[in-house]
Amino acid sequence: MSKGTATRARWSKYLTARPDVCAGQLCAKGTRVPVAVILDSLAEGASQAEILRSYRTLKPAHIRAALAYAADLAREEELTPLTSHAHQARREPARRTG
């Protein structure tokens, strides 16, 4: 089993996308909680316990699966790193020439 297949096995048991649930968004299986909501909550600093209290239908395995899914996406996507030069270029207004 390849690494990609192994990690997909970690999350596919607990996450699902169905057209009749949350407009087809990937959700924790058996709930109407989108994976994006779980990941956003974690990114904002919520603990697993806080998330489980807020979304009573979730189980700890759903949260672990959401993280495994995000890890798979991070491995598959080629992200452009922000360098100090790129960051500075976006903050400075364009200069007129001529």
Protein backbone atom coordinates (compact mmCIF):
# COMPACT_ATOMS: atom_id res chain seq x y z
CA MET A 1 0.00 0.00 0.00
CA SER A 2 1.46 3.37 -0.99
CA LYS A 3 1.69 6.22 1.50
CA GLY A 4 -1.13 8.10 -0.27
CA THR A 5 -3.36 5.05 -0.12
CA ALA A 6 -2.51 4.47 3.54
CA THR A 7 -3.39 8.02 4.57
CA ARG A 8 -6.58 8.00 2.48
CA ALA A 9 -7.61 4.87 4.35
CA ARG A 10 -7.17 6.84 7.58
CA TRP A 11 -9.74 9.47 6.61
CA SER A 12 -12.08 7.88 4.07
CA LYS A 13 -13.71 5.73 6.75
CA TYR A 14 -14.83 8.85 8.64
CA LEU A 15 -15.43 11.47 5.92
CA THR A 16 -17.90 11.49 3.08
CA ALA A 17 -19.35 13.77 0.41
CA ARG A 18 -22.98 13.26 -0.56
CA PRO A 19 -24.94 15.55 -2.88
CA ASP A 20 -27.91 15.55 -0.45
CA VAL A 21 -25.82 16.63 2.57
CA CYS A 22 -24.33 20.14 2.81
CA ALA A 23 -24.46 20.58 -0.97
CA GLY A 24 -21.94 17.81 -1.50
CA GLN A 25 -19.21 19.26 0.73
CA LEU A 26 -16.89 16.76 2.38
CA CYS A 27 -18.36 16.17 5.86
CA ALA A 28 -17.76 14.03 8.90
CA LYS A 29 -19.63 10.81 8.11
CA GLY A 30 -23.04 10.62 9.78
CA THR A 31 -23.11 14.37 10.46
CA ARG A 32 -23.74 17.64 8.68
CA VAL A 33 -20.43 19.10 9.82
CA PRO A 34 -18.17 20.03 6.88
CA VAL A 35 -14.49 19.14 7.12
CA ALA A 36 -13.70 22.80 6.40
CA VAL A 37 -15.50 23.79 9.61
CA ILE A 38 -13.45 21.30 11.62
CA LEU A 39 -10.19 22.51 10.08
CA ASP A 40 -11.13 26.18 10.47
CA SER A 41 -11.92 25.58 14.14
CA LEU A 42 -8.54 23.92 14.68
CA ALA A 43 -6.77 26.70 12.79
CA GLU A 44 -8.45 29.26 15.04
CA GLY A 45 -7.05 27.48 18.09
CA ALA A 46 -10.05 25.46 19.25
CA SER A 47 -9.16 22.30 21.12
CA GLN A 48 -10.58 18.91 20.21
CA ALA A 49 -12.74 19.06 23.36
CA GLU A 50 -14.14 22.47 22.37
CA ILE A 51 -14.99 21.25 18.88
CA LEU A 52 -16.67 18.14 20.25
CA ARG A 53 -18.74 20.28 22.65
CA SER A 54 -19.76 22.64 19.84
CA TYR A 55 -20.64 19.86 17.38
CA ARG A 56 -22.18 17.08 19.45
CA THR A 57 -22.48 14.68 16.49
CA LEU A 58 -18.69 14.64 15.98
CA LYS A 59 -16.38 11.98 17.37
CA PRO A 60 -12.63 12.29 17.98
CA ALA A 61 -12.06 10.04 14.95
CA HIS A 62 -13.76 12.64 12.72
CA ILE A 63 -11.28 15.29 13.84
CA ARG A 64 -8.30 12.98 13.28
CA ALA A 65 -9.69 12.11 9.85
CA ALA A 66 -10.06 15.80 8.94
CA LEU A 67 -6.41 16.35 9.85
CA ALA A 68 -5.33 13.31 7.84
CA TYR A 69 -7.32 14.64 4.88
CA ALA A 70 -5.64 18.05 5.19
CA ALA A 71 -2.23 16.35 5.37
CA ASP A 72 -3.01 14.47 2.15
CA LEU A 73 -3.99 17.72 0.44
CA ALA A 74 -0.80 19.40 1.61
CA ARG A 75 1.27 16.57 0.12
CA GLU A 76 -0.61 16.71 -3.19
CA GLU A 77 -0.75 20.46 -3.71
CA GLU A 78 2.22 22.47 -4.77
CA LEU A 79 2.00 25.55 -2.61
CA THR A 80 3.90 28.71 -3.42
CA PRO A 81 5.86 29.71 -0.33
CA LEU A 82 5.71 33.34 0.70
CA THR A 83 9.16 34.86 0.78
CA SER A 84 9.96 38.20 2.32
CA HIS A 85 10.48 39.58 -1.21
CA ALA A 86 7.07 38.37 -2.42
CA HIS A 87 5.40 39.69 0.74
CA GLN A 88 7.06 43.09 0.32
CA ALA A 89 6.13 43.28 -3.36
CA ARG A 90 2.46 42.84 -2.51
CA ARG A 91 2.52 45.58 0.13
CA GLU A 92 4.27 48.25 -1.91
CA PRO A 93 2.17 50.27 -4.35
CA ALA A 94 3.14 50.06 -8.00
CA ARG A 95 5.53 52.81 -9.08
CA ARG A 96 4.83 54.91 -12.14
CA THR A 97 7.50 55.16 -14.77
CA GLY A 98 8.01 57.90 -17.28
